[in-house]
Amino acid sequence: MMVSTERAASLVKSENKVKKRTKKKKTSAKSVASEGVPESAPLEDDPVKGVSDTEAEAAAKNPSAMLGSAVWLMLSSPGHKHLFVTDFEWLVVPPILAKQFRLYRRDNVPIGFVSWARVSEEVEMRIINGSVKLAPKEWTGGDRLWIIDVLAPFGGVEDIMADLNKVFEGQTVKYIQADENGRRVEVLK
């Protein structure tokens, strides 16, 4: 997960502000794949595509709807809102087209977006060394599974991570976690 220390702190601050402003009953994050399913029902997931068949079909027919939700979340994220429009082309479009993403909603409003790539050993080394800008073909160019980005500007990170553990159950998934001492590779378990 590409989360810098400042970004992580901003996420926590944003989540706390939202909690203070909204004194609603806490609801769990639901992925798009489970929209309309009662809160207690498990999320439907397709670990290969990252979304349900219905949502994958919708994304294939209208990727702009998914793109719009992801861009809206990025513009709401302190760590992403200063990106250039051209950054969306390499950071958001390829995972949507490859169906390597999950979009999370609460009360039918997007609250989170996660993208991942299946990369080659060479690309994996670039990610470890700090270069996560992937060419479109690199998103699906190998068998090494990496979470590229996690967006949760309104909270719900715990629910999203719990869902990802189910989505990728039995698979080795790596991500970068930034802390005070720099970047380190983590494995999602």
N, C-alpha and C. Protein backbone atom coordinates (compact mmCIF):
# COMPACT_ATOMS: atom_id res chain seq x y z
N MET A 1 0.86 -1.14 0.00
CA MET A 1 0.00 0.00 0.00
C MET A 1 0.91 1.20 0.00
N MET A 2 0.69 2.13 -0.89
CA MET A 2 1.56 3.28 -1.03
C MET A 2 1.03 4.39 -0.13
N VAL A 3 1.36 4.37 1.14
CA VAL A 3 0.88 5.35 2.08
C VAL A 3 2.07 5.96 2.79
N SER A 4 2.32 7.25 2.54
CA SER A 4 3.42 7.92 3.22
C SER A 4 3.00 8.23 4.64
N THR A 5 3.96 8.58 5.47
CA THR A 5 3.66 8.91 6.86
C THR A 5 2.71 10.09 6.93
N GLU A 6 3.01 11.14 6.13
CA GLU A 6 2.13 12.31 6.14
C GLU A 6 0.73 11.94 5.66
N ARG A 7 0.67 11.10 4.62
CA ARG A 7 -0.61 10.69 4.07
C ARG A 7 -1.39 9.86 5.07
N ALA A 8 -0.71 8.97 5.76
CA ALA A 8 -1.38 8.15 6.77
C ALA A 8 -1.94 9.03 7.87
N ALA A 9 -1.15 10.01 8.30
CA ALA A 9 -1.62 10.93 9.33
C ALA A 9 -2.82 11.72 8.83
N SER A 10 -2.77 12.14 7.57
CA SER A 10 -3.89 12.87 6.98
C SER A 10 -5.14 12.01 6.91
N LEU A 11 -4.96 10.73 6.56
CA LEU A 11 -6.11 9.81 6.51
C LEU A 11 -6.76 9.70 7.88
N VAL A 12 -5.95 9.57 8.90
CA VAL A 12 -6.48 9.45 10.26
C VAL A 12 -7.19 10.74 10.65
N LYS A 13 -6.59 11.91 10.34
CA LYS A 13 -7.23 13.19 10.66
C LYS A 13 -8.55 13.32 9.92
N SER A 14 -8.56 12.97 8.62
CA SER A 14 -9.79 13.06 7.84
C SER A 14 -10.87 12.15 8.41
N GLU A 15 -10.46 10.93 8.78
CA GLU A 15 -11.42 9.99 9.35
C GLU A 15 -11.99 10.53 10.65
N ASN A 16 -11.14 11.13 11.50
CA ASN A 16 -11.61 11.69 12.77
C ASN A 16 -12.56 12.85 12.54
N LYS A 17 -12.26 13.71 11.54
CA LYS A 17 -13.15 14.82 11.24
C LYS A 17 -14.51 14.32 10.79
N VAL A 18 -14.52 13.32 9.94
CA VAL A 18 -15.77 12.76 9.45
C VAL A 18 -16.57 12.16 10.60
N LYS A 19 -15.88 11.46 11.51
CA LYS A 19 -16.56 10.86 12.65
C LYS A 19 -17.20 11.93 13.53
N LYS A 20 -16.50 13.06 13.71
CA LYS A 20 -17.03 14.13 14.54
C LYS A 20 -18.23 14.79 13.88
N ARG A 21 -18.14 15.00 12.55
CA ARG A 21 -19.21 15.68 11.84
C ARG A 21 -20.46 14.83 11.70
N THR A 22 -20.27 13.56 11.49
CA THR A 22 -21.41 12.68 11.28
C THR A 22 -21.60 11.82 12.52
N LYS A 23 -22.68 12.05 13.19
CA LYS A 23 -22.96 11.27 14.39
C LYS A 23 -23.95 10.17 14.05
N LYS A 24 -23.80 9.65 12.85
CA LYS A 24 -24.64 8.54 12.40
C LYS A 24 -24.13 7.25 12.99
N LYS A 25 -24.99 6.25 12.96
CA LYS A 25 -24.59 4.91 13.34
C LYS A 25 -23.50 4.45 12.38
N LYS A 26 -22.44 3.87 12.92
CA LYS A 26 -21.33 3.40 12.09
C LYS A 26 -21.80 2.21 11.26
N THR A 27 -21.51 2.31 9.95
CA THR A 27 -21.82 1.19 9.07
C THR A 27 -20.52 0.68 8.50
N SER A 28 -20.51 -0.56 8.15
CA SER A 28 -19.28 -1.12 7.59
C SER A 28 -19.19 -0.76 6.11
N ALA A 29 -17.97 -0.69 5.62
CA ALA A 29 -17.77 -0.41 4.19
C ALA A 29 -18.26 -1.60 3.39
N LYS A 30 -18.91 -1.31 2.30
CA LYS A 30 -19.37 -2.36 1.40
C LYS A 30 -18.69 -2.15 0.07
N SER A 31 -18.24 -3.20 -0.53
CA SER A 31 -17.66 -3.02 -1.86
C SER A 31 -18.79 -2.85 -2.85
N VAL A 32 -18.46 -2.30 -4.01
CA VAL A 32 -19.46 -2.14 -5.04
C VAL A 32 -20.11 -3.48 -5.35
N ALA A 33 -19.32 -4.54 -5.26
CA ALA A 33 -19.83 -5.86 -5.59
C ALA A 33 -20.97 -6.27 -4.69
N SER A 34 -21.10 -5.67 -3.52
CA SER A 34 -22.14 -6.09 -2.60
C SER A 34 -23.22 -5.02 -2.41
N GLU A 35 -23.22 -4.01 -3.25
CA GLU A 35 -24.18 -2.95 -3.11
C GLU A 35 -25.60 -3.52 -3.10
N GLY A 36 -26.40 -3.07 -2.16
CA GLY A 36 -27.76 -3.55 -2.06
C GLY A 36 -27.90 -4.80 -1.22
N VAL A 37 -26.80 -5.39 -0.79
CA VAL A 37 -26.82 -6.57 0.06
C VAL A 37 -26.91 -6.09 1.50
N PRO A 38 -27.71 -6.73 2.34
CA PRO A 38 -27.78 -6.31 3.73
C PRO A 38 -26.40 -6.26 4.37
N GLU A 39 -26.23 -5.32 5.31
CA GLU A 39 -24.92 -5.09 5.92
C GLU A 39 -24.32 -6.35 6.52
N SER A 40 -25.14 -7.22 7.07
CA SER A 40 -24.61 -8.41 7.72
C SER A 40 -24.18 -9.49 6.72
N ALA A 41 -24.59 -9.34 5.47
CA ALA A 41 -24.23 -10.34 4.46
C ALA A 41 -22.76 -10.19 4.08
N PRO A 42 -22.09 -11.30 3.80
CA PRO A 42 -20.69 -11.20 3.40
C PRO A 42 -20.56 -10.54 2.03
N LEU A 43 -19.41 -9.90 1.81
CA LEU A 43 -19.16 -9.30 0.51
C LEU A 43 -18.96 -10.39 -0.52
N GLU A 44 -19.52 -10.17 -1.70
CA GLU A 44 -19.26 -11.10 -2.79
C GLU A 44 -17.97 -10.62 -3.43
N ASP A 45 -17.04 -11.51 -3.64
CA ASP A 45 -15.83 -11.06 -4.29
C ASP A 45 -15.33 -12.08 -5.28
N ASP A 46 -14.63 -11.58 -6.25
CA ASP A 46 -14.02 -12.39 -7.29
C ASP A 46 -12.54 -12.05 -7.25
N PRO A 47 -11.72 -12.86 -6.57
CA PRO A 47 -10.33 -12.49 -6.37
C PRO A 47 -9.53 -12.35 -7.65
N VAL A 48 -10.00 -12.92 -8.74
CA VAL A 48 -9.26 -12.78 -9.99
C VAL A 48 -9.52 -11.41 -10.60
N LYS A 49 -10.77 -11.02 -10.65
CA LYS A 49 -11.13 -9.76 -11.27
C LYS A 49 -11.19 -8.62 -10.26
N GLY A 50 -11.42 -8.94 -9.00
CA GLY A 50 -11.49 -7.90 -7.98
C GLY A 50 -12.86 -7.33 -7.78
N VAL A 51 -13.78 -7.66 -8.65
CA VAL A 51 -15.16 -7.20 -8.49
C VAL A 51 -16.07 -8.35 -8.90
N SER A 52 -17.34 -8.25 -8.55
CA SER A 52 -18.27 -9.31 -8.94
C SER A 52 -18.42 -9.31 -10.46
N ASP A 53 -18.95 -10.39 -11.00
CA ASP A 53 -19.16 -10.47 -12.44
C ASP A 53 -20.05 -9.32 -12.92
N THR A 54 -21.08 -9.00 -12.14
CA THR A 54 -21.98 -7.92 -12.52
C THR A 54 -21.22 -6.60 -12.58
N GLU A 55 -20.43 -6.32 -11.57
CA GLU A 55 -19.68 -5.07 -11.53
C GLU A 55 -18.58 -5.06 -12.59
N ALA A 56 -17.97 -6.21 -12.83
CA ALA A 56 -16.94 -6.30 -13.87
C ALA A 56 -17.55 -6.00 -15.24
N GLU A 57 -18.76 -6.54 -15.47
CA GLU A 57 -19.44 -6.26 -16.73
C GLU A 57 -19.77 -4.78 -16.85
N ALA A 58 -20.24 -4.19 -15.74
CA ALA A 58 -20.56 -2.76 -15.76
C ALA A 58 -19.31 -1.93 -16.03
N ALA A 59 -18.19 -2.30 -15.41
CA ALA A 59 -16.94 -1.57 -15.63
C ALA A 59 -16.47 -1.72 -17.07
N ALA A 60 -16.66 -2.91 -17.65
CA ALA A 60 -16.25 -3.13 -19.03
C ALA A 60 -17.10 -2.29 -19.99
N LYS A 61 -18.40 -2.16 -19.67
CA LYS A 61 -19.29 -1.39 -20.53
C LYS A 61 -19.12 0.11 -20.32
N ASN A 62 -18.85 0.51 -19.08
CA ASN A 62 -18.77 1.93 -18.76
C ASN A 62 -17.65 2.20 -17.75
N PRO A 63 -16.40 2.09 -18.18
CA PRO A 63 -15.30 2.31 -17.23
C PRO A 63 -15.26 3.75 -16.71
N SER A 64 -15.91 4.66 -17.42
CA SER A 64 -15.88 6.06 -16.97
C SER A 64 -16.61 6.24 -15.64
N ALA A 65 -17.62 5.42 -15.35
CA ALA A 65 -18.30 5.52 -14.06
C ALA A 65 -17.36 5.15 -12.92
N MET A 66 -16.59 4.09 -13.11
CA MET A 66 -15.61 3.69 -12.10
C MET A 66 -14.51 4.74 -11.98
N LEU A 67 -14.07 5.25 -13.12
CA LEU A 67 -13.03 6.28 -13.15
C LEU A 67 -13.50 7.52 -12.40
N GLY A 68 -14.74 7.91 -12.64
CA GLY A 68 -15.29 9.08 -11.95
C GLY A 68 -15.27 8.92 -10.44
N SER A 69 -15.67 7.75 -9.95
CA SER A 69 -15.66 7.51 -8.50
C SER A 69 -14.24 7.54 -7.95
N ALA A 70 -13.31 6.90 -8.66
CA ALA A 70 -11.92 6.86 -8.20
C ALA A 70 -11.30 8.26 -8.19
N VAL A 71 -11.55 9.03 -9.24
CA VAL A 71 -11.00 10.38 -9.30
C VAL A 71 -11.61 11.25 -8.21
N TRP A 72 -12.90 11.11 -7.96
CA TRP A 72 -13.54 11.88 -6.90
C TRP A 72 -12.88 11.58 -5.55
N LEU A 73 -12.60 10.29 -5.30
CA LEU A 73 -11.93 9.92 -4.06
C LEU A 73 -10.52 10.51 -4.00
N MET A 74 -9.81 10.49 -5.12
CA MET A 74 -8.46 11.06 -5.14
C MET A 74 -8.49 12.56 -4.86
N LEU A 75 -9.47 13.25 -5.40
CA LEU A 75 -9.59 14.68 -5.15
C LEU A 75 -9.96 14.97 -3.70
N SER A 76 -10.53 14.00 -3.02
CA SER A 76 -10.89 14.14 -1.61
C SER A 76 -9.77 13.70 -0.68
N SER A 77 -8.72 13.13 -1.23
CA SER A 77 -7.62 12.59 -0.44
C SER A 77 -6.47 13.59 -0.35
N PRO A 78 -6.06 13.96 0.86
CA PRO A 78 -4.93 14.90 0.99
C PRO A 78 -3.67 14.43 0.28
N GLY A 79 -3.44 13.15 0.22
CA GLY A 79 -2.24 12.63 -0.43
C GLY A 79 -2.34 12.50 -1.93
N HIS A 80 -3.53 12.67 -2.49
CA HIS A 80 -3.72 12.50 -3.93
C HIS A 80 -4.22 13.75 -4.64
N LYS A 81 -4.81 14.69 -3.92
CA LYS A 81 -5.51 15.79 -4.58
C LYS A 81 -4.61 16.70 -5.40
N HIS A 82 -3.31 16.62 -5.21
CA HIS A 82 -2.39 17.47 -5.97
C HIS A 82 -1.81 16.75 -7.19
N LEU A 83 -2.30 15.56 -7.48
CA LEU A 83 -1.85 14.85 -8.68
C LEU A 83 -2.33 15.59 -9.93
N PHE A 84 -1.64 15.38 -11.02
CA PHE A 84 -2.04 15.95 -12.30
C PHE A 84 -3.04 15.01 -12.97
N VAL A 85 -3.84 15.56 -13.84
CA VAL A 85 -4.82 14.75 -14.57
C VAL A 85 -4.12 13.62 -15.30
N THR A 86 -2.94 13.86 -15.84
CA THR A 86 -2.21 12.81 -16.56
C THR A 86 -1.82 11.65 -15.65
N ASP A 87 -1.72 11.90 -14.34
CA ASP A 87 -1.41 10.81 -13.41
C ASP A 87 -2.53 9.79 -13.33
N PHE A 88 -3.77 10.23 -13.54
CA PHE A 88 -4.90 9.30 -13.50
C PHE A 88 -4.78 8.26 -14.61
N GLU A 89 -4.17 8.68 -15.72
CA GLU A 89 -4.03 7.78 -16.87
C GLU A 89 -3.18 6.56 -16.54
N TRP A 90 -2.16 6.71 -15.72
CA TRP A 90 -1.33 5.54 -15.38
C TRP A 90 -1.69 4.94 -14.03
N LEU A 91 -2.35 5.71 -13.15
CA LEU A 91 -2.63 5.22 -11.80
C LEU A 91 -4.02 4.62 -11.64
N VAL A 92 -4.99 5.07 -12.42
CA VAL A 92 -6.37 4.63 -12.24
C VAL A 92 -6.93 3.86 -13.44
N VAL A 93 -6.67 4.33 -14.64
CA VAL A 93 -7.26 3.70 -15.82
C VAL A 93 -6.82 2.24 -16.01
N PRO A 94 -5.51 1.92 -15.96
CA PRO A 94 -5.12 0.52 -16.20
C PRO A 94 -5.76 -0.50 -15.24
N PRO A 95 -5.82 -0.23 -13.92
CA PRO A 95 -6.45 -1.25 -13.08
C PRO A 95 -7.95 -1.39 -13.33
N ILE A 96 -8.61 -0.30 -13.71
CA ILE A 96 -10.03 -0.41 -14.02
C ILE A 96 -10.23 -1.25 -15.28
N LEU A 97 -9.45 -0.98 -16.31
CA LEU A 97 -9.57 -1.75 -17.55
C LEU A 97 -9.19 -3.22 -17.35
N ALA A 98 -8.22 -3.48 -16.46
CA ALA A 98 -7.79 -4.86 -16.18
C ALA A 98 -8.65 -5.52 -15.11
N LYS A 99 -9.60 -4.77 -14.56
CA LYS A 99 -10.47 -5.27 -13.48
C LYS A 99 -9.66 -5.71 -12.27
N GLN A 100 -8.65 -4.93 -11.93
CA GLN A 100 -7.78 -5.18 -10.78
C GLN A 100 -7.98 -4.06 -9.77
N PHE A 101 -9.21 -3.95 -9.30
CA PHE A 101 -9.55 -2.88 -8.36
C PHE A 101 -10.77 -3.30 -7.56
N ARG A 102 -10.99 -2.58 -6.49
CA ARG A 102 -12.25 -2.66 -5.75
C ARG A 102 -12.63 -1.24 -5.39
N LEU A 103 -13.91 -0.96 -5.56
CA LEU A 103 -14.48 0.32 -5.18
C LEU A 103 -15.42 0.05 -4.02
N TYR A 104 -15.24 0.79 -2.94
CA TYR A 104 -16.04 0.58 -1.74
C TYR A 104 -17.01 1.74 -1.57
N ARG A 105 -18.21 1.39 -1.12
CA ARG A 105 -19.25 2.39 -0.89
C ARG A 105 -19.83 2.24 0.50
N ARG A 106 -20.28 3.34 1.04
CA ARG A 106 -21.07 3.35 2.27
C ARG A 106 -22.26 4.25 1.97
N ASP A 107 -23.43 3.75 2.22
CA ASP A 107 -24.66 4.50 1.91
C ASP A 107 -24.66 4.98 0.46
N ASN A 108 -24.20 4.11 -0.43
CA ASN A 108 -24.15 4.35 -1.88
C ASN A 108 -23.21 5.48 -2.30
N VAL A 109 -22.31 5.88 -1.42
CA VAL A 109 -21.32 6.92 -1.72
C VAL A 109 -19.94 6.28 -1.72
N PRO A 110 -19.12 6.53 -2.73
CA PRO A 110 -17.77 5.93 -2.74
C PRO A 110 -16.97 6.40 -1.53
N ILE A 111 -16.36 5.44 -0.83
CA ILE A 111 -15.50 5.79 0.31
C ILE A 111 -14.10 5.22 0.18
N GLY A 112 -13.90 4.30 -0.76
CA GLY A 112 -12.57 3.72 -0.89
C GLY A 112 -12.35 3.10 -2.26
N PHE A 113 -11.08 3.07 -2.64
CA PHE A 113 -10.68 2.49 -3.92
C PHE A 113 -9.33 1.83 -3.70
N VAL A 114 -9.21 0.60 -4.15
CA VAL A 114 -7.95 -0.13 -4.04
C VAL A 114 -7.60 -0.66 -5.43
N SER A 115 -6.34 -0.51 -5.80
CA SER A 115 -5.89 -1.07 -7.08
C SER A 115 -4.70 -1.98 -6.83
N TRP A 116 -4.56 -2.99 -7.67
CA TRP A 116 -3.42 -3.89 -7.56
C TRP A 116 -2.94 -4.28 -8.95
N ALA A 117 -1.73 -4.79 -8.97
CA ALA A 117 -1.11 -5.22 -10.23
C ALA A 117 -0.47 -6.58 -10.03
N ARG A 118 -0.40 -7.30 -11.11
CA ARG A 118 0.32 -8.58 -11.15
C ARG A 118 1.54 -8.33 -12.04
N VAL A 119 2.69 -8.18 -11.39
CA VAL A 119 3.87 -7.68 -12.08
C VAL A 119 4.96 -8.73 -12.22
N SER A 120 5.91 -8.43 -13.08
CA SER A 120 7.08 -9.29 -13.27
C SER A 120 8.10 -9.01 -12.16
N GLU A 121 9.12 -9.84 -12.10
CA GLU A 121 10.18 -9.66 -11.11
C GLU A 121 10.88 -8.31 -11.31
N GLU A 122 11.11 -7.94 -12.55
CA GLU A 122 11.77 -6.66 -12.85
C GLU A 122 10.95 -5.48 -12.35
N VAL A 123 9.65 -5.50 -12.61
CA VAL A 123 8.77 -4.42 -12.17
C VAL A 123 8.67 -4.42 -10.65
N GLU A 124 8.64 -5.60 -10.05
CA GLU A 124 8.61 -5.69 -8.59
C GLU A 124 9.82 -4.98 -7.98
N MET A 125 10.98 -5.15 -8.57
CA MET A 125 12.18 -4.48 -8.05
C MET A 125 12.06 -2.96 -8.17
N ARG A 126 11.45 -2.49 -9.24
CA ARG A 126 11.22 -1.04 -9.38
C ARG A 126 10.28 -0.54 -8.30
N ILE A 127 9.23 -1.30 -8.02
CA ILE A 127 8.29 -0.89 -6.97
C ILE A 127 9.01 -0.82 -5.63
N ILE A 128 9.79 -1.83 -5.32
CA ILE A 128 10.53 -1.86 -4.05
C ILE A 128 11.47 -0.67 -3.96
N ASN A 129 12.05 -0.28 -5.08
CA ASN A 129 13.00 0.84 -5.10
C ASN A 129 12.32 2.21 -5.23
N GLY A 130 10.99 2.24 -5.22
CA GLY A 130 10.28 3.51 -5.15
C GLY A 130 9.59 3.98 -6.41
N SER A 131 9.65 3.24 -7.49
CA SER A 131 9.00 3.66 -8.73
C SER A 131 7.74 2.84 -8.96
N VAL A 132 6.59 3.46 -8.71
CA VAL A 132 5.33 2.72 -8.88
C VAL A 132 4.58 3.13 -10.13
N LYS A 133 5.18 3.98 -10.95
CA LYS A 133 4.53 4.38 -12.20
C LYS A 133 4.68 3.24 -13.20
N LEU A 134 3.56 2.55 -13.43
CA LEU A 134 3.56 1.36 -14.28
C LEU A 134 2.98 1.67 -15.66
N ALA A 135 3.58 1.07 -16.67
CA ALA A 135 3.00 1.13 -18.02
C ALA A 135 1.77 0.22 -18.03
N PRO A 136 0.80 0.49 -18.89
CA PRO A 136 -0.42 -0.34 -18.90
C PRO A 136 -0.16 -1.84 -18.95
N LYS A 137 0.77 -2.29 -19.78
CA LYS A 137 1.02 -3.73 -19.90
C LYS A 137 1.68 -4.30 -18.64
N GLU A 138 2.32 -3.46 -17.83
CA GLU A 138 2.99 -3.94 -16.62
C GLU A 138 2.00 -4.30 -15.51
N TRP A 139 0.78 -3.78 -15.57
CA TRP A 139 -0.23 -4.09 -14.56
C TRP A 139 -0.61 -5.57 -14.59
N THR A 140 -0.46 -6.19 -15.73
CA THR A 140 -0.84 -7.60 -15.89
C THR A 140 0.33 -8.43 -16.42
N GLY A 141 1.55 -7.96 -16.22
CA GLY A 141 2.71 -8.57 -16.85
C GLY A 141 3.43 -9.65 -16.07
N GLY A 142 2.85 -10.14 -14.98
CA GLY A 142 3.55 -11.16 -14.21
C GLY A 142 2.67 -11.84 -13.20
N ASP A 143 3.30 -12.53 -12.27
CA ASP A 143 2.55 -13.30 -11.28
C ASP A 143 2.78 -12.80 -9.85
N ARG A 144 3.44 -11.67 -9.69
CA ARG A 144 3.71 -11.12 -8.36
C ARG A 144 2.65 -10.06 -8.06
N LEU A 145 1.85 -10.33 -7.05
CA LEU A 145 0.70 -9.50 -6.73
C LEU A 145 1.08 -8.37 -5.78
N TRP A 146 0.83 -7.14 -6.21
CA TRP A 146 1.14 -5.95 -5.43
C TRP A 146 -0.08 -5.05 -5.33
N ILE A 147 -0.39 -4.57 -4.13
CA ILE A 147 -1.38 -3.51 -3.98
C ILE A 147 -0.65 -2.22 -4.34
N ILE A 148 -1.18 -1.50 -5.30
CA ILE A 148 -0.53 -0.29 -5.78
C ILE A 148 -1.03 0.94 -5.03
N ASP A 149 -2.33 1.02 -4.79
CA ASP A 149 -2.85 2.20 -4.12
C ASP A 149 -4.08 1.84 -3.30
N VAL A 150 -4.21 2.51 -2.18
CA VAL A 150 -5.38 2.40 -1.32
C VAL A 150 -5.85 3.82 -1.03
N LEU A 151 -7.08 4.09 -1.37
CA LEU A 151 -7.70 5.39 -1.10
C LEU A 151 -8.83 5.18 -0.13
N ALA A 152 -8.81 5.90 0.97
CA ALA A 152 -9.91 5.86 1.93
C ALA A 152 -9.97 7.20 2.65
N PRO A 153 -10.26 8.28 1.93
CA PRO A 153 -10.21 9.61 2.54
C PRO A 153 -11.29 9.86 3.59
N PHE A 154 -12.32 9.03 3.64
CA PHE A 154 -13.41 9.23 4.58
C PHE A 154 -13.47 8.17 5.66
N GLY A 155 -12.40 7.41 5.80
CA GLY A 155 -12.37 6.35 6.80
C GLY A 155 -12.74 5.00 6.21
N GLY A 156 -12.87 4.03 7.08
CA GLY A 156 -13.22 2.69 6.63
C GLY A 156 -12.03 1.83 6.26
N VAL A 157 -10.81 2.28 6.58
CA VAL A 157 -9.61 1.53 6.21
C VAL A 157 -9.62 0.13 6.79
N GLU A 158 -10.06 -0.01 8.04
CA GLU A 158 -10.07 -1.33 8.68
C GLU A 158 -10.99 -2.29 7.93
N ASP A 159 -12.18 -1.81 7.54
CA ASP A 159 -13.12 -2.64 6.80
C ASP A 159 -12.57 -3.02 5.43
N ILE A 160 -11.91 -2.07 4.78
CA ILE A 160 -11.33 -2.33 3.47
C ILE A 160 -10.24 -3.38 3.58
N MET A 161 -9.35 -3.23 4.56
CA MET A 161 -8.27 -4.20 4.71
C MET A 161 -8.82 -5.59 5.06
N ALA A 162 -9.87 -5.64 5.87
CA ALA A 162 -10.49 -6.93 6.19
C ALA A 162 -11.06 -7.58 4.93
N ASP A 163 -11.67 -6.77 4.07
CA ASP A 163 -12.20 -7.30 2.82
C ASP A 163 -11.07 -7.79 1.91
N LEU A 164 -9.98 -7.04 1.83
CA LEU A 164 -8.86 -7.46 0.98
C LEU A 164 -8.27 -8.78 1.46
N ASN A 165 -8.26 -8.99 2.77
CA ASN A 165 -7.79 -10.28 3.29
C ASN A 165 -8.65 -11.42 2.76
N LYS A 166 -9.95 -11.18 2.59
CA LYS A 166 -10.84 -12.21 2.04
C LYS A 166 -10.63 -12.35 0.53
N VAL A 167 -10.52 -11.22 -0.15
CA VAL A 167 -10.36 -11.23 -1.61
C VAL A 167 -9.11 -12.00 -2.01
N PHE A 168 -8.02 -11.79 -1.27
CA PHE A 168 -6.74 -12.39 -1.64
C PHE A 168 -6.37 -13.57 -0.74
N GLU A 169 -7.36 -14.18 -0.13
CA GLU A 169 -7.10 -15.31 0.76
C GLU A 169 -6.28 -16.38 0.04
N GLY A 170 -5.22 -16.82 0.70
CA GLY A 170 -4.37 -17.87 0.14
C GLY A 170 -3.34 -17.37 -0.87
N GLN A 171 -3.31 -16.07 -1.13
CA GLN A 171 -2.36 -15.51 -2.08
C GLN A 171 -1.36 -14.62 -1.35
N THR A 172 -0.17 -14.52 -1.88
CA THR A 172 0.83 -13.60 -1.34
C THR A 172 0.62 -12.25 -2.00
N VAL A 173 0.35 -11.25 -1.19
CA VAL A 173 0.11 -9.90 -1.68
C VAL A 173 1.07 -8.97 -0.97
N LYS A 174 1.80 -8.19 -1.73
CA LYS A 174 2.76 -7.26 -1.14
C LYS A 174 2.29 -5.83 -1.34
N TYR A 175 2.76 -4.96 -0.45
CA TYR A 175 2.51 -3.53 -0.59
C TYR A 175 3.62 -2.80 0.13
N ILE A 176 3.75 -1.52 -0.17
CA ILE A 176 4.75 -0.69 0.49
C ILE A 176 4.05 0.06 1.62
N GLN A 177 4.64 0.00 2.79
CA GLN A 177 4.14 0.76 3.93
C GLN A 177 5.21 1.77 4.32
N ALA A 178 4.86 3.02 4.32
CA ALA A 178 5.81 4.05 4.71
C ALA A 178 5.65 4.33 6.20
N ASP A 179 6.78 4.51 6.86
CA ASP A 179 6.76 4.88 8.27
C ASP A 179 7.86 5.90 8.52
N GLU A 180 8.10 6.22 9.79
CA GLU A 180 9.10 7.22 10.15
C GLU A 180 10.49 6.85 9.64
N ASN A 181 10.78 5.58 9.53
CA ASN A 181 12.10 5.11 9.12
C ASN A 181 12.23 4.90 7.61
N GLY A 182 11.22 5.22 6.87
CA GLY A 182 11.26 5.03 5.42
C GLY A 182 10.23 4.03 4.95
N ARG A 183 10.52 3.44 3.81
CA ARG A 183 9.58 2.50 3.19
C ARG A 183 9.98 1.08 3.51
N ARG A 184 8.98 0.23 3.66
CA ARG A 184 9.27 -1.18 3.85
C ARG A 184 8.20 -2.01 3.16
N VAL A 185 8.60 -3.16 2.68
CA VAL A 185 7.68 -4.07 2.01
C VAL A 185 6.91 -4.83 3.08
N GLU A 186 5.61 -4.91 2.91
CA GLU A 186 4.74 -5.66 3.81
C GLU A 186 4.04 -6.74 3.01
N VAL A 187 3.61 -7.78 3.69
CA VAL A 187 2.84 -8.84 3.06
C VAL A 187 1.48 -8.87 3.74
N LEU A 188 0.42 -8.82 2.95
CA LEU A 188 -0.94 -8.88 3.45
C LEU A 188 -1.23 -10.30 3.89
N LYS A 189 -1.63 -10.47 5.13
CA LYS A 189 -1.92 -11.81 5.64
C LYS A 189 -3.35 -11.88 6.11
